[in-house]
Amino acid sequence: MGVIDGKVAIVTGGARGIGASISRLFAAEGASVVVNDLGGHPDGSGGDKGPAEELAGEITAAGGKAVADGGDISDVATGQRLVDTAVEQFGRLDIVVNVAGILRDRMIFNMTEEDWDAVIAVHLKGHFSTVRPASAYWRQQRNPDGHYRIINFTSVSGLDGSPGQANYAAAKMGIIGLTYSLAQGLARYGVTANAIAPGAATRLTATVPTEKSVSRAKRADDDPERSPDNIAPLALYMAGDASDWLTGRVLSSAGYEVGLYENPQIIRQLNSPGPWRYDQLAQLIERGFRPAADGLPPSLFAAQLKKD
C-alpha cells in the first residue's frame, strides 16, 4: 500500500522536470494523477500536448492511473477544468501541486511589461487558478479531517533576491504570502498549505547564466544530486496524512538536503511613549538595527533600550 494510496492529485507543470518526478512518484505511491502541462518553451511561448499525454501514458502503462491536460495554467478556466476532471475521472480531489513555471530574465531596467505580466501570470495567477476551485470543492466536502493538501513551489530567487529575476522573484515571494494565507484560511476545511523552494537541474535552470544563479549547488546538470527526482520525496511527505502539523511552513529541497525556513518575525523592536521625533528615531535605529549594534546581540539590545 502506497503513502497516498487512493488519493487524487493535480500536478501542474507535471510532465517535465520536477513536476514529472512528482507525478511519477505520486502514481507509484497509489495516487491517481491529473497531469497538466502546457508543453511550451521555458519563456512560456508555444504549446504542445505531447509531454502531458506521454507522461500520463507512461504512468498508465506502468499500472498507475493518470489523465493528461495541456491547458495554460495562467487561464483560470484551466484550473477549474483540472478540478472538474479530477472529480469526474477519479471521483474526488485530495492534493494540488503547483509546479508550472516560466522564466523571462532581465535586469529590472530592461524588463518589458510583457515579461513582467507573463511571469506573474504563470506563477502567481497560476497558483490562484487551481487553488480557488480546489478550495471551493473542499469547502463543499465539509470534512475538517480530510487531509487535503496544497503544495506550492517558491524559489530561492525570491528568498535570496536574484538580481536578474525581479519578475520571477516577486511572483515566488507572492506565492509564499499566498501559502501563509491559505494555511490559515483553509484549516477549518481540512486543508493544509506548504511551499517548497527547490534546487535541481531543469529546463528553466539551464537558461540561467551561471554568474546570475543564486543556486547553492554549482554542479553539472548531470550530477545525480541535481536530479529533479530528489525533490519529489518531500512533496510526497507533504501529500501524506502525517504532515498536518507542517502547514504554513516553507521548506527547501536541493540534492540530498532538506531545510526548514523560519517564518518572518520581528527580531528587534523600538518603542516610544509618544510620537517619534526624527532625531530620536534615527539615533535608536542606528543603535538598534545595525548588525551587532553596540556590540550587543539582538536580545540584549532590547533590554538595554528599556534601561536608557
Foldseek 3Di string as FASTA:
>chain_A
DAQQALAEEEFALQQFALNVLQVLVCQVRHYAYEYEAQCAAQLPDDGDQVSQCVSQVVSVVVPGHYDYHNDQLLDLVVLLVSQVCRCVVRNHHAEYEYDDFHADWAQPVPDDPCSLVSRLSRQQSSLVSNVVNNLVRLQVVQDLQRLGEYEYEAAVCQVVPQRGGPSNNVNRVSVLVVQLCCQVPRNSSNYFGEYEHEAADGSRVVPDDPVRDPDPDPDDNPPQLRGSNQVNVVVSVSSGSVCNVVGSWYWYTTRNDIGTDDDDDDLADDDDPDDDDPVVVVVCCQQQVDPCRVVDPRVVVNVVNVVD
